[in-house]
Amino acid sequence: MKAKKNKVMLFFTGFFIGLLLLVMILHRGVGWLDRYLMITGRAGNGDFTLVITFLLILPVVFFIVAVLNYIRSKEHDLIEWFVMLSLTFGSIALIAVGDGLVEYHFSIFMVLAALAYYEHMRLLIVSTMIFALQHFVGYFAFPELICGTGDYPFSLLMIHAVFLLVTSGVLLTQIRVRSQFIADVQETDDRQQKMIKSLVERVARTSEVVTSNVEKLDNASKRSTETSLKNKESFSQMEAGASIQVENAVLSQSALKNVEDLVSQIVQTGKESEAIARDASHSATAGSTYMSDSMMHMAGIANHMNYMYEQMTSLNEKMKEIGRITEFITTIGKQTNLLSLNASIEAARAGKEGKGFSVVAKEMRRLSEQSNENAQIIVKIISQIQSETSKLNERITKAQKDSTTGLSQSEQTKQLFESIALKAEEVHEHLLQSLHHSNTIHSETEKALENVESMTSVTEQYRQTINESAVVSEKERNDRLIMDQSIHDLKHLILNLHDDLGELRAQEL
């Protein structure tokens, strides 16, 4: 504010100095109003050129100093004093350059009015004192520079002085009243500012508390909304689960009916199995008896096979003896053949006397060859008999082993039949117990079926309750959405209030 006043007053001072120079040019250069001065008997003030020059330089110097101070600091304390001195001495110089015309004395009131813009009483008082001193001293020392003539009445000068003092007094009074008014307004404004500041602080604290509570409420609402959504999902899942439970209960009821039918079938089957197990026990006992008889027959077969094995062994020995005899016959046949050959040779030597012996020798050789051929046939037959006997012997040995094994297996089979008979008795007893348990299960299944029917009814009621709770939860969620919107609007209003408070605090600063 002070810098702005200094800037305005510097422009006004520059304008005033320009006006001073214009008046000087008009009066000193052009000779403006010289005729009027001659008619009124004013010869001008050409003898006071040095004083006028000093008066012209003085306001210009003060103006330059004021401008330099403004350049250095726009709120410098000496600027207003140099402006006051420049305007005051500028007005004095204007009066002197204007040949003391009364019209230029109005510049004094203009200067005082301009200085009142500063609202600084000391400036007006000092300027008024300078003007008063200029009038009194100038009237006696340089009356032509003050009044334009040396015979100007002192009473008229006093009238100037009175109006100067009255004007200055009025301005001082206005400044004082204005200062007092401004002080009162400032005091009132300070009180109001304090009240507003206190109110702003209270509103700010209240706003912070409300904001905090709104944030808490918003967070709680969000958590509540999330909980509501979760409850909705839970209710949906519970409803789905209840529906599934109802379906499962119906399926369980159907399954229990099927179980009841199966248990009935199991009971019937158990009765039939008990009868079959009883028959199996009797059959196992009979099988054990039959196996005893079979073992006796197998033992007889084994004895016969042993006897056959012994006979076959004896037959093999006899066949070996026949083989040895056949070999002896073959040897005799070979020797007979050799003897017949020798006899033929000797008969050939004897000539006619040996022809009869030669015939005998041939017959012996023929018989020897037939003996050899028959011996070979016997050997072949014996070999075939021995081969067949060996095979028969092997079969008898195998049959003997099989009969021994069969006898052993028959013994094991008998033991198995005996074990089967024991197990059949145990199975019979277990089937009797299973039949008893099946009857018990049948009874319990009927009770479970009744409980499932009751559970189905309760589950259906539970599902209806869940549906009603879901509807209530949906209403609560809608109410929370409305509350969330209200909280959002309240937060928006609080934010606007914060912005207004920030602007109000900025204006205070």
Protein backbone atom coordinates (compact mmCIF):
# COMPACT_ATOMS: atom_id res chain seq x y z
CA MET A 1 0.00 0.00 0.00
CA LYS A 2 2.81 2.44 0.91
CA ALA A 3 4.68 1.62 -2.29
CA LYS A 4 1.53 2.35 -4.30
CA LYS A 5 1.10 5.75 -2.59
CA ASN A 6 4.75 6.61 -3.27
CA LYS A 7 4.32 5.67 -6.93
CA VAL A 8 1.17 7.84 -7.32
CA MET A 9 2.75 10.81 -5.54
CA LEU A 10 5.92 10.57 -7.65
CA PHE A 11 3.82 10.71 -10.84
CA PHE A 12 1.90 13.68 -9.43
CA THR A 13 5.14 15.43 -8.41
CA GLY A 14 6.60 14.89 -11.87
CA PHE A 15 3.42 16.35 -13.38
CA PHE A 16 3.64 19.32 -11.02
CA ILE A 17 7.29 19.99 -11.94
CA GLY A 18 6.33 19.78 -15.61
CA LEU A 19 3.58 22.33 -14.93
CA LEU A 20 6.16 24.53 -13.21
CA LEU A 21 8.47 24.40 -16.20
CA LEU A 22 5.54 25.17 -18.54
CA VAL A 23 4.60 28.29 -16.52
CA MET A 24 8.25 29.35 -16.49
CA ILE A 25 8.45 29.07 -20.29
CA LEU A 26 5.18 30.94 -20.76
CA HIS A 27 6.14 33.79 -18.47
CA ARG A 28 9.91 33.98 -19.08
CA GLY A 29 10.19 32.87 -22.66
CA VAL A 30 6.92 33.78 -24.42
CA GLY A 31 5.93 36.78 -22.25
CA TRP A 32 2.55 35.39 -21.55
CA LEU A 33 0.37 37.90 -19.54
CA ASP A 34 2.94 40.75 -19.84
CA ARG A 35 0.16 43.09 -21.03
CA TYR A 36 -1.96 42.19 -18.05
CA LEU A 37 1.00 42.82 -15.80
CA MET A 38 1.58 46.25 -17.34
CA ILE A 39 -2.09 47.20 -16.97
CA THR A 40 -2.10 46.14 -13.31
CA GLY A 41 1.15 48.02 -12.70
CA ARG A 42 3.32 44.97 -12.14
CA ALA A 43 6.68 45.39 -13.71
CA GLY A 44 7.64 41.75 -13.26
CA ASN A 45 10.43 40.27 -11.13
CA GLY A 46 13.32 40.29 -13.44
CA ASP A 47 15.69 41.47 -10.64
CA PHE A 48 15.24 38.21 -8.76
CA THR A 49 16.57 35.88 -11.41
CA LEU A 50 19.07 34.23 -9.08
CA VAL A 51 16.44 33.56 -6.42
CA ILE A 52 13.99 32.23 -8.98
CA THR A 53 16.66 30.00 -10.46
CA PHE A 54 17.41 28.62 -6.97
CA LEU A 55 13.70 28.06 -6.38
CA LEU A 56 13.39 26.23 -9.70
CA ILE A 57 16.37 23.94 -9.05
CA LEU A 58 15.36 23.07 -5.48
CA PRO A 59 12.11 21.08 -6.23
CA VAL A 60 13.79 19.31 -9.13
CA VAL A 61 16.62 18.15 -6.83
CA PHE A 62 14.14 16.95 -4.21
CA PHE A 63 12.20 15.07 -6.90
CA ILE A 64 15.34 13.38 -8.20
CA VAL A 65 16.34 12.33 -4.68
CA ALA A 66 12.82 10.95 -4.10
CA VAL A 67 13.00 8.96 -7.35
CA LEU A 68 16.42 7.54 -6.43
CA ASN A 69 15.09 6.43 -3.04
CA TYR A 70 12.07 4.86 -4.73
CA ILE A 71 14.34 2.95 -7.07
CA ARG A 72 16.35 1.69 -4.10
CA SER A 73 13.27 0.84 -2.04
CA LYS A 74 9.66 1.46 -3.01
CA GLU A 75 8.65 1.81 0.65
CA HIS A 76 11.56 3.99 1.77
CA ASP A 77 10.56 6.31 4.65
CA LEU A 78 12.28 9.41 3.13
CA ILE A 79 10.39 9.29 -0.16
CA GLU A 80 7.30 11.00 1.24
CA TRP A 81 9.44 13.75 2.84
CA PHE A 82 11.32 14.50 -0.39
CA VAL A 83 8.00 14.45 -2.30
CA MET A 84 6.58 16.94 0.22
CA LEU A 85 9.64 19.21 -0.11
CA SER A 86 9.56 18.95 -3.91
CA LEU A 87 5.84 19.86 -4.07
CA THR A 88 6.09 22.62 -1.45
CA PHE A 89 9.10 24.37 -3.04
CA GLY A 90 7.62 23.66 -6.46
CA SER A 91 4.51 25.62 -5.47
CA ILE A 92 6.72 28.44 -4.10
CA ALA A 93 8.71 28.45 -7.35
CA LEU A 94 5.46 28.42 -9.39
CA ILE A 95 4.23 31.53 -7.55
CA ALA A 96 7.58 33.23 -8.03
CA VAL A 97 7.80 32.33 -11.74
CA GLY A 98 4.17 33.41 -12.23
CA ASP A 99 4.98 36.94 -11.11
CA GLY A 100 3.15 36.46 -7.83
CA LEU A 101 -0.27 36.26 -9.43
CA VAL A 102 -2.93 35.31 -6.93
CA GLU A 103 -4.18 32.59 -9.26
CA TYR A 104 -0.95 30.62 -8.77
CA HIS A 105 -1.48 30.71 -4.99
CA PHE A 106 -4.15 28.07 -5.53
CA SER A 107 -1.26 25.67 -6.11
CA ILE A 108 -0.67 25.82 -2.36
CA PHE A 109 -4.09 24.27 -1.68
CA MET A 110 -3.49 21.74 -4.44
CA VAL A 111 -0.19 20.73 -2.81
CA LEU A 112 -1.80 20.47 0.63
CA ALA A 113 -4.64 18.40 -0.80
CA ALA A 114 -2.13 16.15 -2.57
CA LEU A 115 -0.04 15.71 0.60
CA ALA A 116 -3.21 14.74 2.47
CA TYR A 117 -3.17 11.60 0.32
CA TYR A 118 -0.33 10.36 2.52
CA GLU A 119 -2.52 10.85 5.63
CA HIS A 120 0.63 11.98 7.43
CA MET A 121 -0.03 15.00 9.71
CA ARG A 122 3.65 15.91 10.07
CA LEU A 123 4.03 16.35 6.34
CA LEU A 124 1.08 18.82 6.27
CA ILE A 125 2.36 20.67 9.32
CA VAL A 126 5.91 21.04 7.91
CA SER A 127 4.59 22.05 4.49
CA THR A 128 2.18 24.59 6.10
CA MET A 129 5.01 26.02 8.19
CA ILE A 130 7.21 26.37 5.05
CA PHE A 131 4.35 28.16 3.21
CA ALA A 132 3.69 30.43 6.21
CA LEU A 133 7.38 31.24 6.56
CA GLN A 134 7.58 31.88 2.79
CA HIS A 135 4.66 34.36 2.98
CA PHE A 136 5.94 36.26 6.00
CA VAL A 137 9.62 36.36 5.10
CA GLY A 138 8.90 36.87 1.40
CA TYR A 139 6.45 39.66 2.06
CA PHE A 140 9.16 41.69 3.76
CA ALA A 141 12.16 40.50 1.73
CA PHE A 142 10.78 39.73 -1.75
CA PRO A 143 7.15 40.96 -1.93
CA GLU A 144 7.22 40.93 -5.76
CA LEU A 145 7.87 37.13 -5.70
CA ILE A 146 4.96 36.62 -3.32
CA CYS A 147 2.38 39.18 -4.33
CA GLY A 148 3.69 40.45 -7.69
CA THR A 149 4.05 44.02 -6.33
CA GLY A 150 5.69 45.79 -3.45
CA ASP A 151 2.53 47.65 -2.26
CA TYR A 152 0.37 44.59 -1.66
CA PRO A 153 -1.69 45.07 1.52
CA PHE A 154 -0.54 43.08 4.50
CA SER A 155 -4.15 42.44 5.49
CA LEU A 156 -4.74 40.60 2.23
CA LEU A 157 -1.62 38.60 2.92
CA MET A 158 -3.06 37.73 6.33
CA ILE A 159 -6.22 36.58 4.62
CA HIS A 160 -4.02 34.23 2.53
CA ALA A 161 -2.35 33.05 5.69
CA VAL A 162 -5.67 32.50 7.46
CA PHE A 163 -7.07 30.49 4.57
CA LEU A 164 -3.80 28.55 4.42
CA LEU A 165 -3.99 27.75 8.12
CA VAL A 166 -7.71 26.97 7.94
CA THR A 167 -7.16 24.71 4.94
CA SER A 168 -4.27 23.03 6.67
CA GLY A 169 -6.30 22.73 9.87
CA VAL A 170 -9.25 21.26 8.00
CA LEU A 171 -6.98 18.77 6.28
CA LEU A 172 -5.30 17.92 9.58
CA THR A 173 -8.69 17.52 11.20
CA GLN A 174 -9.86 15.30 8.38
CA ILE A 175 -6.69 13.28 8.64
CA ARG A 176 -7.07 13.02 12.39
CA VAL A 177 -10.75 12.12 12.19
CA ARG A 178 -10.02 9.75 9.38
CA SER A 179 -7.14 8.23 11.32
CA GLN A 180 -9.36 7.90 14.37
CA PHE A 181 -12.09 6.40 12.22
CA ILE A 182 -9.59 4.10 10.59
CA ALA A 183 -8.23 3.22 14.05
CA ASP A 184 -11.76 2.51 15.26
CA VAL A 185 -12.51 0.57 12.11
CA GLN A 186 -9.18 -1.21 12.45
CA GLU A 187 -9.93 -1.98 16.09
CA THR A 188 -13.38 -3.18 15.14
CA ASP A 189 -11.88 -5.06 12.24
CA ASP A 190 -9.25 -6.54 14.56
CA ARG A 191 -11.95 -7.66 16.95
CA GLN A 192 -13.94 -9.05 14.07
CA GLN A 193 -10.82 -10.65 12.66
CA LYS A 194 -10.11 -12.18 16.05
CA MET A 195 -13.70 -13.35 16.27
CA ILE A 196 -13.56 -14.64 12.69
CA LYS A 197 -10.18 -16.24 13.35
CA SER A 198 -11.51 -17.85 16.51
CA LEU A 199 -14.64 -18.87 14.65
CA VAL A 200 -12.54 -20.18 11.76
CA GLU A 201 -10.34 -22.12 14.16
CA ARG A 202 -13.40 -23.56 15.90
CA VAL A 203 -15.01 -24.32 12.56
CA ALA A 204 -11.70 -25.83 11.38
CA ARG A 205 -11.43 -27.96 14.51
CA THR A 206 -15.09 -28.88 14.19
CA SER A 207 -14.53 -29.58 10.52
CA GLU A 208 -11.52 -31.76 11.34
CA VAL A 209 -13.54 -33.62 13.97
CA VAL A 210 -16.46 -33.95 11.57
CA THR A 211 -14.06 -35.01 8.80
CA SER A 212 -12.47 -37.56 11.11
CA ASN A 213 -15.86 -38.84 12.17
CA VAL A 214 -17.05 -38.84 8.57
CA GLU A 215 -13.91 -40.78 7.58
CA LYS A 216 -14.54 -43.21 10.41
CA LEU A 217 -18.19 -43.40 9.45
CA ASP A 218 -17.21 -43.82 5.81
CA ASN A 219 -14.74 -46.57 6.70
CA ALA A 220 -17.30 -48.19 8.95
CA SER A 221 -19.88 -47.87 6.18
CA LYS A 222 -17.46 -49.40 3.68
CA ARG A 223 -16.68 -52.22 6.10
CA SER A 224 -20.38 -52.60 6.75
CA THR A 225 -21.05 -52.63 3.00
CA GLU A 226 -18.30 -55.20 2.51
CA THR A 227 -19.73 -57.22 5.39
CA SER A 228 -23.18 -56.88 3.86
CA LEU A 229 -21.86 -58.08 0.51
CA LYS A 230 -20.08 -60.94 2.25
CA ASN A 231 -23.30 -61.68 4.18
CA LYS A 232 -25.19 -61.58 0.91
CA GLU A 233 -22.72 -63.99 -0.62
CA SER A 234 -22.85 -66.09 2.54
CA PHE A 235 -26.65 -66.07 2.47
CA SER A 236 -26.55 -67.02 -1.20
CA GLN A 237 -24.11 -69.80 -0.43
CA MET A 238 -26.16 -70.82 2.62
CA GLU A 239 -29.33 -70.77 0.52
CA ALA A 240 -27.60 -72.83 -2.16
CA GLY A 241 -26.23 -75.10 0.57
CA ALA A 242 -29.70 -75.38 2.14
CA SER A 243 -31.19 -76.20 -1.26
CA ILE A 244 -28.46 -78.77 -1.77
CA GLN A 245 -29.14 -80.10 1.73
CA VAL A 246 -32.83 -80.38 0.90
CA GLU A 247 -31.96 -82.16 -2.32
CA ASN A 248 -29.44 -84.31 -0.48
CA ALA A 249 -32.00 -85.02 2.23
CA VAL A 250 -34.50 -86.08 -0.44
CA LEU A 251 -31.79 -88.16 -2.10
CA SER A 252 -30.79 -89.52 1.32
CA GLN A 253 -34.40 -90.39 1.99
CA SER A 254 -34.60 -92.17 -1.35
CA ALA A 255 -31.22 -93.80 -0.70
CA LEU A 256 -32.35 -94.94 2.74
CA LYS A 257 -35.45 -96.43 1.20
CA ASN A 258 -33.21 -98.20 -1.27
CA VAL A 259 -30.99 -99.24 1.65
CA GLU A 260 -34.03 -100.50 3.48
CA ASP A 261 -35.00 -102.55 0.42
CA LEU A 262 -31.41 -103.77 0.10
CA VAL A 263 -31.32 -104.65 3.79
CA SER A 264 -34.55 -106.60 3.32
CA GLN A 265 -32.95 -108.37 0.39
CA ILE A 266 -29.80 -108.92 2.47
CA VAL A 267 -31.93 -110.44 5.25
CA GLN A 268 -33.63 -112.71 2.73
CA THR A 269 -30.29 -113.50 1.11
CA GLY A 270 -28.79 -114.12 4.57
CA LYS A 271 -31.52 -116.64 5.29
CA GLU A 272 -30.88 -118.36 1.97
CA SER A 273 -27.09 -118.22 2.59
CA GLU A 274 -27.60 -119.74 6.02
CA ALA A 275 -29.48 -122.63 4.42
CA ILE A 276 -26.80 -122.94 1.72
CA ALA A 277 -24.04 -122.86 4.37
CA ARG A 278 -25.85 -125.59 6.32
CA ASP A 279 -26.10 -127.69 3.16
CA ALA A 280 -22.43 -126.91 2.37
CA SER A 281 -21.45 -128.12 5.82
CA HIS A 282 -23.33 -131.36 5.29
CA SER A 283 -21.84 -131.68 1.79
CA ALA A 284 -18.31 -131.06 3.14
CA THR A 285 -18.85 -133.80 5.73
CA ALA A 286 -20.11 -136.20 3.06
CA GLY A 287 -17.17 -135.19 0.82
CA SER A 288 -14.76 -136.04 3.62
CA THR A 289 -16.38 -139.51 3.90
CA TYR A 290 -16.21 -139.99 0.15
CA MET A 291 -12.55 -138.96 0.15
CA SER A 292 -11.83 -141.62 2.82
CA ASP A 293 -13.34 -144.26 0.57
CA SER A 294 -11.40 -142.85 -2.42
CA MET A 295 -8.19 -143.04 -0.42
CA MET A 296 -8.86 -146.72 0.30
CA HIS A 297 -9.36 -147.41 -3.42
CA MET A 298 -6.27 -145.35 -4.26
CA ALA A 299 -4.25 -147.39 -1.76
CA GLY A 300 -5.46 -150.65 -3.45
CA ILE A 301 -4.50 -149.23 -6.88
CA ALA A 302 -1.08 -148.31 -5.52
CA ASN A 303 -0.60 -151.90 -4.25
CA HIS A 304 -1.57 -153.33 -7.69
CA MET A 305 0.80 -150.92 -9.39
CA ASN A 306 3.62 -152.03 -7.10
CA TYR A 307 2.87 -155.68 -7.94
CA MET A 308 2.84 -154.86 -11.70
CA TYR A 309 6.14 -153.02 -11.29
CA GLU A 310 7.67 -156.10 -9.62
CA GLN A 311 6.33 -158.42 -12.44
CA MET A 312 7.67 -156.08 -15.09
CA THR A 313 11.06 -156.08 -13.37
CA SER A 314 11.03 -159.93 -13.40
CA LEU A 315 9.97 -159.92 -17.10
CA ASN A 316 12.89 -157.63 -17.96
CA GLU A 317 15.29 -160.04 -16.28
CA LYS A 318 13.86 -162.98 -18.25
CA MET A 319 14.05 -160.99 -21.48
CA LYS A 320 17.70 -160.34 -20.75
CA GLU A 321 18.27 -164.11 -20.32
CA ILE A 322 16.49 -164.76 -23.68
CA GLY A 323 18.82 -162.16 -25.24
CA ARG A 324 21.85 -163.99 -23.91
CA ILE A 325 20.47 -167.31 -25.25
CA THR A 326 19.82 -165.66 -28.61
CA GLU A 327 23.40 -164.44 -28.67
CA PHE A 328 24.57 -167.99 -27.88
CA ILE A 329 22.43 -169.34 -30.77
CA THR A 330 23.89 -166.71 -33.08
CA THR A 331 27.40 -167.73 -32.01
CA ILE A 332 26.58 -171.43 -32.64
CA GLY A 333 25.14 -170.49 -36.06
CA LYS A 334 28.33 -168.64 -36.94
CA GLN A 335 30.46 -171.62 -35.84
CA THR A 336 28.16 -174.05 -37.70
CA ASN A 337 28.46 -171.91 -40.80
CA LEU A 338 32.24 -171.96 -40.40
CA LEU A 339 32.19 -175.75 -39.95
CA SER A 340 30.02 -176.17 -43.03
CA LEU A 341 32.42 -174.01 -44.98
CA ASN A 342 35.34 -176.11 -43.80
CA ALA A 343 33.34 -179.26 -44.61
CA SER A 344 32.66 -178.04 -48.12
CA ILE A 345 36.32 -177.32 -48.62
CA GLU A 346 37.24 -180.81 -47.39
CA ALA A 347 34.46 -182.37 -49.54
CA ALA A 348 35.87 -180.58 -52.53
CA ARG A 349 39.26 -182.06 -51.81
CA ALA A 350 37.79 -185.55 -51.36
CA GLY A 351 36.28 -185.43 -54.77
CA LYS A 352 33.53 -187.94 -55.53
CA GLU A 353 33.80 -189.46 -52.13
CA GLY A 354 33.05 -186.17 -50.53
CA LYS A 355 29.92 -185.24 -52.52
CA GLY A 356 27.56 -186.63 -49.91
CA PHE A 357 29.40 -184.80 -47.23
CA SER A 358 29.22 -181.65 -49.36
CA VAL A 359 25.43 -181.94 -49.51
CA VAL A 360 25.34 -182.24 -45.75
CA ALA A 361 27.66 -179.29 -45.46
CA LYS A 362 25.35 -177.17 -47.64
CA GLU A 363 22.34 -178.19 -45.64
CA MET A 364 24.17 -177.36 -42.44
CA ARG A 365 25.15 -174.00 -43.90
CA ARG A 366 21.51 -173.38 -44.91
CA LEU A 367 20.32 -174.35 -41.46
CA SER A 368 23.02 -172.16 -39.94
CA GLU A 369 21.88 -169.19 -42.05
CA GLN A 370 18.25 -169.81 -41.13
CA SER A 371 19.31 -170.06 -37.48
CA ASN A 372 21.12 -166.75 -37.81
CA GLU A 373 18.13 -165.14 -39.53
CA ASN A 374 15.73 -166.44 -36.88
CA ALA A 375 18.15 -165.34 -34.18
CA GLN A 376 18.19 -161.84 -35.70
CA ILE A 377 14.40 -161.84 -35.84
CA ILE A 378 14.31 -162.99 -32.21
CA VAL A 379 16.79 -160.22 -31.32
CA LYS A 380 14.60 -157.65 -33.06
CA ILE A 381 11.48 -158.96 -31.33
CA ILE A 382 13.28 -159.03 -28.00
CA SER A 383 14.51 -155.46 -28.62
CA GLN A 384 10.95 -154.35 -29.41
CA ILE A 385 9.64 -156.22 -26.34
CA GLN A 386 12.36 -154.64 -24.22
CA SER A 387 11.54 -151.22 -25.66
CA GLU A 388 7.83 -151.70 -25.03
CA THR A 389 8.63 -153.16 -21.65
CA SER A 390 10.82 -150.14 -20.80
CA LYS A 391 8.02 -147.80 -21.86
CA LEU A 392 5.49 -149.86 -19.92
CA ASN A 393 7.89 -149.88 -17.01
CA GLU A 394 8.19 -146.08 -17.21
CA ARG A 395 4.42 -145.75 -17.36
CA ILE A 396 4.03 -148.12 -14.45
CA THR A 397 6.67 -146.09 -12.54
CA LYS A 398 4.86 -142.89 -13.42
CA ALA A 399 1.51 -144.42 -12.53
CA GLN A 400 3.03 -145.57 -9.27
CA LYS A 401 4.29 -142.06 -8.58
CA ASP A 402 0.91 -140.62 -9.65
CA SER A 403 -0.91 -143.06 -7.42
CA THR A 404 1.42 -142.10 -4.56
CA THR A 405 0.84 -138.41 -5.35
CA GLY A 406 -2.91 -139.02 -5.74
CA LEU A 407 -2.94 -140.77 -2.44
CA SER A 408 -1.12 -137.80 -0.85
CA GLN A 409 -3.46 -135.33 -2.59
CA SER A 410 -6.42 -137.39 -1.52
CA GLU A 411 -5.14 -137.12 2.03
CA GLN A 412 -4.80 -133.34 1.59
CA THR A 413 -8.23 -133.21 -0.05
CA LYS A 414 -9.68 -135.07 2.89
CA GLN A 415 -8.04 -132.54 5.22
CA LEU A 416 -9.41 -129.71 3.05
CA PHE A 417 -12.90 -131.19 3.17
CA GLU A 418 -12.58 -131.47 6.92
CA SER A 419 -11.36 -127.83 7.06
CA ILE A 420 -14.19 -126.82 4.70
CA ALA A 421 -16.65 -128.55 6.99
CA LEU A 422 -15.24 -126.59 9.96
CA LYS A 423 -15.27 -123.32 7.97
CA ALA A 424 -18.78 -124.08 6.77
CA GLU A 425 -19.83 -124.41 10.40
CA GLU A 426 -18.13 -121.10 11.17
CA VAL A 427 -19.75 -119.47 8.10
CA HIS A 428 -23.07 -120.83 9.25
CA GLU A 429 -22.57 -119.26 12.68
CA HIS A 430 -21.39 -115.94 11.10
CA LEU A 431 -24.35 -115.93 8.75
CA LEU A 432 -26.64 -116.40 11.74
CA GLN A 433 -24.92 -113.40 13.39
CA SER A 434 -25.10 -111.40 10.10
CA LEU A 435 -28.78 -112.22 9.85
CA HIS A 436 -29.25 -110.88 13.38
CA HIS A 437 -27.24 -107.73 12.50
CA SER A 438 -29.17 -107.31 9.28
CA ASN A 439 -32.42 -107.38 11.21
CA THR A 440 -30.96 -104.77 13.57
CA ILE A 441 -29.79 -102.63 10.57
CA HIS A 442 -33.24 -102.91 9.06
CA SER A 443 -34.77 -101.59 12.26
CA GLU A 444 -32.21 -98.76 12.55
CA THR A 445 -32.67 -97.89 8.86
CA GLU A 446 -36.36 -97.40 9.44
CA LYS A 447 -35.55 -95.06 12.33
CA ALA A 448 -32.94 -93.20 10.19
CA LEU A 449 -35.53 -92.83 7.43
CA GLU A 450 -37.90 -91.18 9.90
CA ASN A 451 -35.07 -88.88 11.09
CA VAL A 452 -34.17 -87.93 7.51
CA GLU A 453 -37.79 -87.05 6.81
CA SER A 454 -37.77 -84.83 9.90
CA MET A 455 -34.41 -83.33 8.85
CA THR A 456 -35.80 -82.59 5.39
CA SER A 457 -38.65 -80.63 6.94
CA VAL A 458 -36.26 -78.70 9.25
CA THR A 459 -33.86 -77.97 6.35
CA GLU A 460 -36.72 -76.61 4.25
CA GLN A 461 -37.69 -74.27 7.12
CA TYR A 462 -33.99 -73.28 7.46
CA ARG A 463 -33.84 -72.44 3.74
CA GLN A 464 -36.96 -70.27 4.03
CA THR A 465 -35.39 -68.47 7.02
CA ILE A 466 -32.20 -67.87 5.00
CA ASN A 467 -34.26 -66.41 2.14
CA GLU A 468 -36.00 -64.03 4.55
CA SER A 469 -32.60 -63.05 6.07
CA ALA A 470 -31.21 -62.44 2.57
CA VAL A 471 -34.12 -60.08 1.80
CA VAL A 472 -33.48 -58.18 5.06
CA SER A 473 -29.73 -58.05 4.28
CA GLU A 474 -30.50 -56.65 0.80
CA LYS A 475 -32.64 -53.90 2.37
CA GLU A 476 -29.84 -53.09 4.81
CA ARG A 477 -27.37 -52.92 1.92
CA ASN A 478 -29.64 -50.48 0.06
CA ASP A 479 -29.89 -48.35 3.22
CA ARG A 480 -26.08 -48.42 3.53
CA LEU A 481 -25.77 -47.30 -0.10
CA ILE A 482 -28.04 -44.34 0.65
CA MET A 483 -25.96 -43.61 3.77
CA ASP A 484 -22.76 -43.86 1.70
CA GLN A 485 -24.15 -41.29 -0.74
CA SER A 486 -25.05 -39.00 2.17
CA ILE A 487 -21.55 -39.44 3.61
CA HIS A 488 -20.06 -38.66 0.20
CA ASP A 489 -22.14 -35.45 -0.06
CA LEU A 490 -21.16 -34.51 3.50
CA LYS A 491 -17.48 -35.08 2.71
CA HIS A 492 -17.86 -32.89 -0.38
CA LEU A 493 -19.43 -30.12 1.71
CA ILE A 494 -16.67 -30.43 4.31
CA LEU A 495 -14.01 -30.21 1.60
CA ASN A 496 -15.70 -27.07 0.24
CA LEU A 497 -15.76 -25.70 3.80
CA HIS A 498 -12.02 -26.45 4.12
CA ASP A 499 -11.38 -24.61 0.84
CA ASP A 500 -13.44 -21.62 2.03
CA LEU A 501 -11.57 -21.60 5.33
CA GLY A 502 -8.25 -21.74 3.45
CA GLU A 503 -9.27 -18.77 1.30
CA LEU A 504 -10.45 -16.88 4.40
CA ARG A 505 -7.11 -17.53 6.15
CA ALA A 506 -5.25 -16.44 3.03
CA GLN A 507 -7.26 -13.20 3.00
CA GLU A 508 -6.41 -12.65 6.66
CA LEU A 509 -2.70 -13.01 5.86
